[in-house]
Amino acid sequence: MAISPSNLGQIEATSDAGALFLKKFAGEVLTAFEEKNTMMDKHQVRTITNGKSAQFPIVGKAATTKYHAPGDDILETSGYTQKIKHSERLIHVDRLLTSTVFVDSLEEMINHYDVRSIYSREIGNSLANKLDNNLIRTLAAAARSPRLASDFEPGGFVVSDASEAASASDSQVEIIETANCSSQADAFISALFDVAINFDSKDVPEDNRMCMVTPTMYYLLVNVADSNNSGVHMSRDFNDANGSVARGTVLECAGFKIFKSQHLAEQSTDIKAVDAGIAIGTDTNDPFGSAGIGYNGNLDTTVALCFTPQAIGTVKLKDLSVESEYIMQRQGTVMLAKYSMGHGILRPACAAEIRSAAPQG
């Protein structure tokens, strides 16, 4: 007698046998990606449907004003009209970035617990981690970018430890007077106000100023007493106006919204290393401008990155998507997540780095 099995993955018993499974798989990947990623919603993103790069226009300031004299023709008389400078930043699309796992059918049947949901989360996490790392390094490169002679845009800003004073030939570097600070948290807050002053001097918008810190520095800000021993830095108010020791949170300092990222604490890649396979032809994203290719910068002494959304940009050709397919000749299922994006510097003036010393190497 013929048996009609119930396919748990079919929609109304007529569709592909894995249709429902794929939707669950896709949802798990997308959820994991969104939960793990911290930078995607904090910078400029442009989506393209074809092509290999995108242009981000940069418009300068109007600097000329003139009192009108009776009878003057504003268009003909010298001094009334002005040229507003324009520029652009070109960001290329990187090659397709994938995260893949193969599940053997027999081993999956023998196993006593479900692995697909676990693998789904893990491949989503791996892509989110890579995206965050690339964006963090691009942001650090923006902070370290000097003002170019041919560019009307100011450069980035670096606040560093006094140990860099002897070798600090770059006018970007501002030294923290650590001798006047009783703790690392004091030094950090002093540095953050230096960044705020620098941003103000360059007319960087006060809206959406953010500061990414390592978890170590984040919890120092919550818990360490200040130099006057008058309580913790960010939680002096009992009404939780700017943080909570109980919840281990801090909200804002010097006009910057504070958030933590373990991805920042994990940065230690050699600036000369090459991100293999990233380039499409000769068009590559290399924000550090080194001999390397890709997002390779040494951030081993970076404590914080301060920025606004205008600092860096992403061009997105293919958003995060997933595929799942049973391979008969291999008797198993391939689960794959992928995206194609590229990242680059837009406005270095909107980025700053706080670090404890010069990067090693």
Protein backbone atom coordinates (compact mmCIF):
# COMPACT_ATOMS: atom_id res chain seq x y z
CA MET A 1 0.00 0.00 0.00
CA ALA A 2 1.35 3.39 -0.97
CA ILE A 3 2.11 5.77 1.87
CA SER A 4 1.71 9.55 1.59
CA PRO A 5 4.12 11.06 4.10
CA SER A 6 3.51 14.47 5.68
CA ASN A 7 6.27 16.86 4.68
CA LEU A 8 6.73 19.25 7.57
CA GLY A 9 8.43 21.81 5.39
CA GLN A 10 5.74 22.01 2.70
CA ILE A 11 3.18 24.80 2.41
CA GLU A 12 -0.30 23.27 1.98
CA ALA A 13 1.34 19.98 0.93
CA THR A 14 2.06 21.28 -2.57
CA SER A 15 5.18 23.42 -2.41
CA ASP A 16 8.87 22.69 -2.11
CA ALA A 17 9.46 20.21 0.72
CA GLY A 18 11.84 22.64 2.45
CA ALA A 19 9.94 25.88 1.92
CA LEU A 20 8.96 26.40 5.56
CA PHE A 21 12.33 25.24 6.82
CA LEU A 22 14.07 27.82 4.65
CA LYS A 23 11.88 30.63 5.99
CA LYS A 24 12.71 29.64 9.54
CA PHE A 25 16.37 29.42 8.61
CA ALA A 26 16.26 32.83 6.94
CA GLY A 27 14.52 34.40 9.93
CA GLU A 28 17.08 33.00 12.35
CA VAL A 29 19.98 34.31 10.27
CA LEU A 30 18.46 37.77 9.90
CA THR A 31 17.63 37.99 13.60
CA ALA A 32 21.13 36.93 14.62
CA PHE A 33 22.65 39.41 12.16
CA GLU A 34 20.60 42.32 13.47
CA GLU A 35 21.17 41.45 17.13
CA LYS A 36 24.94 41.10 16.79
CA ASN A 37 25.61 44.13 14.58
CA THR A 38 26.13 47.51 16.25
CA MET A 39 27.27 49.82 13.43
CA MET A 40 24.90 49.35 10.51
CA ASP A 41 22.36 51.94 11.64
CA LYS A 42 24.98 54.50 12.69
CA HIS A 43 26.42 55.64 9.35
CA GLN A 44 25.47 56.51 5.76
CA VAL A 45 24.24 53.61 3.62
CA ARG A 46 23.45 53.72 -0.09
CA THR A 47 21.82 50.80 -1.90
CA ILE A 48 22.48 50.25 -5.60
CA THR A 49 20.82 47.75 -7.92
CA ASN A 50 23.74 47.37 -10.31
CA GLY A 51 27.26 48.61 -10.87
CA LYS A 52 30.43 48.26 -8.82
CA SER A 53 30.61 51.56 -6.91
CA ALA A 54 28.64 54.55 -5.68
CA GLN A 55 29.43 58.25 -5.45
CA PHE A 56 28.76 60.17 -2.25
CA PRO A 57 28.69 63.94 -2.93
CA ILE A 58 30.48 66.31 -0.55
CA VAL A 59 29.40 69.97 -0.54
CA GLY A 60 31.46 72.73 1.05
CA LYS A 61 30.32 75.78 3.00
CA ALA A 62 29.13 79.15 1.76
CA ALA A 63 31.65 81.56 3.29
CA THR A 64 31.07 84.92 1.55
CA THR A 65 28.69 87.65 2.72
CA LYS A 66 28.45 91.26 1.55
CA TYR A 67 26.26 94.21 2.46
CA HIS A 68 24.33 95.39 -0.55
CA ALA A 69 25.06 98.91 -1.72
CA PRO A 70 22.19 100.84 -3.31
CA GLY A 71 22.19 100.34 -7.05
CA ASP A 72 24.64 97.42 -7.11
CA ASP A 73 23.91 94.61 -9.53
CA ILE A 74 24.41 91.57 -7.34
CA LEU A 75 25.32 89.34 -10.28
CA GLU A 76 27.68 91.80 -11.97
CA THR A 77 29.36 93.55 -9.03
CA SER A 78 32.42 91.86 -7.59
CA GLY A 79 32.16 90.32 -4.13
CA TYR A 80 28.53 89.27 -4.07
CA THR A 81 28.57 85.84 -5.68
CA GLN A 82 30.77 82.97 -4.61
CA LYS A 83 31.73 79.45 -5.59
CA ILE A 84 30.74 76.68 -3.23
CA LYS A 85 33.23 73.84 -3.44
CA HIS A 86 32.10 70.35 -4.35
CA SER A 87 33.79 67.00 -4.10
CA GLU A 88 32.84 63.35 -3.96
CA ARG A 89 33.84 60.12 -2.31
CA LEU A 90 33.81 56.91 -4.32
CA ILE A 91 33.14 53.65 -2.48
CA HIS A 92 33.44 50.31 -4.26
CA VAL A 93 31.50 47.11 -3.72
CA ASP A 94 33.55 44.27 -2.26
CA ARG A 95 33.26 40.71 -3.45
CA LEU A 96 30.45 38.53 -2.15
CA LEU A 97 31.03 37.71 1.53
CA THR A 98 29.65 34.32 2.56
CA SER A 99 29.26 32.17 5.63
CA THR A 100 28.48 28.53 4.90
CA VAL A 101 27.88 25.28 6.75
CA PHE A 102 27.19 21.75 5.49
CA VAL A 103 24.90 19.41 7.46
CA ASP A 104 25.24 15.69 6.74
CA SER A 105 21.82 14.02 6.60
CA LEU A 106 22.75 10.84 8.46
CA GLU A 107 24.63 12.64 11.21
CA GLU A 108 21.71 15.02 11.62
CA MET A 109 19.37 12.06 12.10
CA ILE A 110 21.70 10.39 14.58
CA ASN A 111 22.26 13.57 16.57
CA HIS A 112 20.02 13.97 19.63
CA TYR A 113 19.47 17.73 19.30
CA ASP A 114 18.71 20.17 16.50
CA VAL A 115 21.76 21.89 15.05
CA ARG A 116 20.21 23.84 12.20
CA SER A 117 18.88 26.64 14.41
CA ILE A 118 22.27 26.87 16.13
CA TYR A 119 24.14 26.94 12.83
CA SER A 120 21.69 29.55 11.50
CA ARG A 121 22.49 31.91 14.36
CA GLU A 122 26.21 31.30 14.04
CA ILE A 123 26.49 32.10 10.34
CA GLY A 124 24.38 35.22 10.93
CA ASN A 125 26.71 36.21 13.78
CA SER A 126 29.82 35.64 11.67
CA LEU A 127 28.62 38.00 8.94
CA ALA A 128 27.56 40.61 11.51
CA ASN A 129 30.97 40.39 13.18
CA LYS A 130 32.79 40.86 9.87
CA LEU A 131 30.61 43.83 8.94
CA ASP A 132 31.18 45.49 12.31
CA ASN A 133 34.94 44.91 12.12
CA ASN A 134 35.14 46.44 8.64
CA LEU A 135 33.10 49.48 9.70
CA ILE A 136 35.11 49.99 12.91
CA ARG A 137 38.38 49.94 11.00
CA THR A 138 37.01 52.31 8.37
CA LEU A 139 35.97 54.65 11.17
CA ALA A 140 39.45 54.52 12.73
CA ALA A 141 40.97 55.26 9.33
CA ALA A 142 38.71 58.31 9.02
CA ALA A 143 39.87 59.58 12.41
CA ARG A 144 43.51 59.20 11.35
CA SER A 145 43.03 60.85 7.95
CA PRO A 146 44.83 64.21 7.64
CA ARG A 147 43.41 67.09 5.69
CA LEU A 148 44.48 66.74 2.08
CA ALA A 149 45.98 69.75 0.33
CA SER A 150 43.50 69.31 -2.52
CA ASP A 151 40.50 68.88 -0.21
CA PHE A 152 38.41 71.55 1.50
CA GLU A 153 37.31 69.08 4.20
CA PRO A 154 39.15 69.11 7.56
CA GLY A 155 40.91 65.94 8.66
CA GLY A 156 40.17 63.59 11.55
CA PHE A 157 41.30 63.90 15.15
CA VAL A 158 43.29 61.64 17.49
CA VAL A 159 43.52 62.00 21.26
CA SER A 160 46.34 59.95 22.67
CA ASP A 161 48.40 59.22 25.76
CA ALA A 162 51.32 61.44 26.78
CA SER A 163 53.73 58.65 25.82
CA GLU A 164 53.17 59.60 22.19
CA ALA A 165 54.31 63.19 22.76
CA ALA A 166 57.90 62.55 21.71
CA SER A 167 56.92 61.06 18.36
CA ALA A 168 53.74 63.00 17.69
CA SER A 169 54.63 64.99 14.60
CA ASP A 170 51.09 64.89 13.23
CA SER A 171 49.21 68.05 14.14
CA GLN A 172 46.09 65.92 14.58
CA VAL A 173 47.38 64.42 17.83
CA GLU A 174 46.19 66.00 21.07
CA ILE A 175 47.92 64.78 24.22
CA ILE A 176 46.01 63.72 27.34
CA GLU A 177 47.63 65.13 30.47
CA THR A 178 47.35 61.91 32.41
CA ALA A 179 49.34 63.34 35.33
CA ASN A 180 46.32 65.50 36.18
CA CYS A 181 43.91 62.58 36.16
CA SER A 182 43.38 60.20 39.06
CA SER A 183 41.99 57.35 37.00
CA GLN A 184 41.57 56.02 33.49
CA ALA A 185 37.97 57.17 33.55
CA ASP A 186 39.07 60.73 34.39
CA ALA A 187 41.55 60.65 31.51
CA PHE A 188 38.92 59.35 29.13
CA ILE A 189 36.37 62.01 30.06
CA SER A 190 39.02 64.70 29.62
CA ALA A 191 39.82 63.27 26.19
CA LEU A 192 36.14 63.15 25.26
CA PHE A 193 35.76 66.85 26.01
CA ASP A 194 38.84 67.49 23.83
CA VAL A 195 37.02 65.69 21.02
CA ALA A 196 33.89 67.77 21.62
CA ILE A 197 35.95 70.97 21.38
CA ASN A 198 37.56 69.74 18.17
CA PHE A 199 34.19 68.85 16.65
CA ASP A 200 32.79 72.25 17.60
CA SER A 201 35.77 74.00 15.99
CA LYS A 202 35.05 72.18 12.71
CA ASP A 203 31.27 72.83 12.90
CA VAL A 204 30.50 69.13 13.14
CA PRO A 205 26.76 68.83 13.85
CA GLU A 206 25.88 68.27 17.49
CA ASP A 207 23.04 65.94 16.57
CA ASN A 208 23.84 62.23 16.65
CA ARG A 209 27.32 62.51 18.12
CA MET A 210 28.23 59.00 19.24
CA CYS A 211 31.11 57.35 21.03
CA MET A 212 31.91 53.64 20.80
CA VAL A 213 34.02 52.38 23.69
CA THR A 214 35.49 49.08 24.76
CA PRO A 215 33.50 47.22 27.43
CA THR A 216 36.36 47.83 29.91
CA MET A 217 36.13 51.59 29.51
CA TYR A 218 32.33 51.52 29.49
CA TYR A 219 32.12 49.89 32.91
CA LEU A 220 34.88 52.11 34.29
CA LEU A 221 32.68 55.08 33.43
CA VAL A 222 29.79 53.50 35.30
CA ASN A 223 31.64 52.32 38.38
CA VAL A 224 34.88 54.23 39.05
CA ALA A 225 34.88 57.17 41.48
CA ASP A 226 36.07 60.52 40.14
CA SER A 227 39.14 62.48 41.33
CA ASN A 228 37.09 64.26 44.02
CA ASN A 229 35.81 60.92 45.28
CA SER A 230 32.28 62.27 45.00
CA GLY A 231 30.76 59.23 43.41
CA VAL A 232 30.73 57.48 40.09
CA HIS A 233 31.16 59.46 36.90
CA MET A 234 27.89 58.81 35.16
CA SER A 235 25.46 57.82 37.88
CA ARG A 236 25.51 60.58 40.46
CA ASP A 237 21.79 61.22 40.11
CA PHE A 238 19.45 58.87 41.93
CA ASN A 239 16.84 59.27 39.19
CA ASP A 240 18.94 57.39 36.59
CA ALA A 241 19.13 60.55 34.48
CA ASN A 242 22.37 59.50 32.84
CA GLY A 243 22.95 55.90 33.78
CA SER A 244 22.60 53.26 36.43
CA VAL A 245 25.10 51.30 38.48
CA ALA A 246 22.47 48.62 39.08
CA ARG A 247 21.96 48.07 35.36
CA GLY A 248 25.55 48.88 34.39
CA THR A 249 24.55 51.55 31.88
CA VAL A 250 25.82 54.97 30.87
CA LEU A 251 24.01 57.19 28.40
CA GLU A 252 25.89 60.36 27.49
CA CYS A 253 29.05 62.39 28.14
CA ALA A 254 30.22 65.66 26.58
CA GLY A 255 27.28 65.49 24.17
CA PHE A 256 28.21 62.00 22.91
CA LYS A 257 25.89 59.03 23.23
CA ILE A 258 28.00 56.24 24.71
CA PHE A 259 27.72 52.62 23.61
CA LYS A 260 30.05 49.65 24.04
CA SER A 261 31.31 47.12 21.51
CA GLN A 262 33.38 44.03 22.12
CA HIS A 263 34.33 44.19 18.45
CA LEU A 264 36.34 47.34 19.18
CA ALA A 265 38.21 45.53 21.94
CA GLU A 266 39.11 42.69 19.55
CA GLN A 267 40.90 44.84 16.96
CA SER A 268 44.61 44.00 16.61
CA THR A 269 45.16 43.29 12.91
CA ASP A 270 48.45 44.37 11.36
CA ILE A 271 47.93 47.44 9.16
CA LYS A 272 50.07 45.87 6.43
CA ALA A 273 48.05 42.68 6.24
CA VAL A 274 45.99 41.97 3.15
CA ASP A 275 42.29 41.09 3.28
CA ALA A 276 42.58 38.37 0.68
CA GLY A 277 39.99 38.05 -2.06
CA ILE A 278 38.16 41.29 -1.33
CA ALA A 279 38.91 43.20 -4.54
CA ILE A 280 36.86 43.18 -7.73
CA GLY A 281 39.50 43.88 -10.37
CA THR A 282 41.64 46.90 -9.48
CA ASP A 283 38.86 48.80 -7.68
CA THR A 284 39.45 48.24 -3.99
CA ASN A 285 38.47 49.81 -0.70
CA ASP A 286 41.62 50.60 1.26
CA PRO A 287 40.67 53.25 3.83
CA PHE A 288 44.06 53.24 5.57
CA GLY A 289 45.80 54.02 2.28
CA SER A 290 48.55 51.52 2.97
CA ALA A 291 50.05 48.92 0.69
CA GLY A 292 47.43 46.52 1.98
CA ILE A 293 44.03 45.87 0.52
CA GLY A 294 40.86 45.98 2.54
CA TYR A 295 40.03 47.10 6.05
CA ASN A 296 43.31 46.33 7.77
CA GLY A 297 44.34 48.69 10.52
CA ASN A 298 46.02 48.21 13.86
CA LEU A 299 43.63 49.29 16.60
CA ASP A 300 45.28 47.47 19.50
CA THR A 301 45.53 50.65 21.62
CA THR A 302 42.20 52.20 20.60
CA VAL A 303 39.93 52.91 23.56
CA ALA A 304 37.10 54.74 21.78
CA LEU A 305 35.89 56.01 18.41
CA CYS A 306 33.80 59.19 18.34
CA PHE A 307 31.79 60.05 15.25
CA THR A 308 28.63 61.24 13.58
CA PRO A 309 26.80 59.28 10.84
CA GLN A 310 28.47 61.43 8.16
CA ALA A 311 31.96 60.07 8.92
CA ILE A 312 31.82 56.87 6.85
CA GLY A 313 29.61 55.25 4.24
CA THR A 314 28.54 51.87 2.92
CA VAL A 315 27.51 50.97 -0.58
CA LYS A 316 25.23 47.94 -0.63
CA LEU A 317 24.76 45.93 -3.81
CA LYS A 318 23.32 42.75 -2.31
CA ASP A 319 21.70 42.81 1.11
CA LEU A 320 21.91 39.91 3.52
CA SER A 321 20.19 36.87 2.06
CA VAL A 322 20.20 33.13 2.67
CA GLU A 323 20.08 29.94 0.66
CA SER A 324 19.60 26.31 1.60
CA GLU A 325 19.89 23.35 -0.74
CA TYR A 326 20.01 19.57 -0.38
CA ILE A 327 22.96 18.11 -2.32
CA MET A 328 22.07 14.58 -3.35
CA GLN A 329 25.58 13.44 -4.30
CA ARG A 330 26.88 14.61 -0.91
CA GLN A 331 23.82 13.46 1.08
CA GLY A 332 23.48 16.63 3.06
CA THR A 333 22.24 20.21 3.11
CA VAL A 334 24.24 23.36 2.43
CA MET A 335 23.17 26.40 4.46
CA LEU A 336 24.60 29.70 3.23
CA ALA A 337 24.24 33.38 4.16
CA LYS A 338 25.76 36.17 2.06
CA TYR A 339 25.95 39.87 1.29
CA SER A 340 27.92 42.23 -0.94
CA MET A 341 28.84 45.66 0.46
CA GLY A 342 31.78 48.03 0.56
CA HIS A 343 32.83 50.72 3.04
CA GLY A 344 34.79 53.95 2.84
CA ILE A 345 35.59 57.32 4.42
CA LEU A 346 33.22 60.22 3.73
CA ARG A 347 33.96 63.12 6.12
CA PRO A 348 37.07 62.61 8.30
CA ALA A 349 36.20 65.78 10.25
CA CYS A 350 33.31 63.84 11.78
CA ALA A 351 35.56 61.12 13.27
CA ALA A 352 37.95 61.01 16.22
CA GLU A 353 39.94 58.30 17.95
CA ILE A 354 40.87 58.09 21.63
CA ARG A 355 43.75 55.71 22.27
CA SER A 356 46.08 54.83 25.11
CA ALA A 357 49.28 54.85 23.02
CA ALA A 358 50.54 54.68 19.45
CA PRO A 359 49.49 51.45 17.68
CA GLN A 360 52.11 48.73 17.75
CA GLY A 361 53.96 47.83 14.56
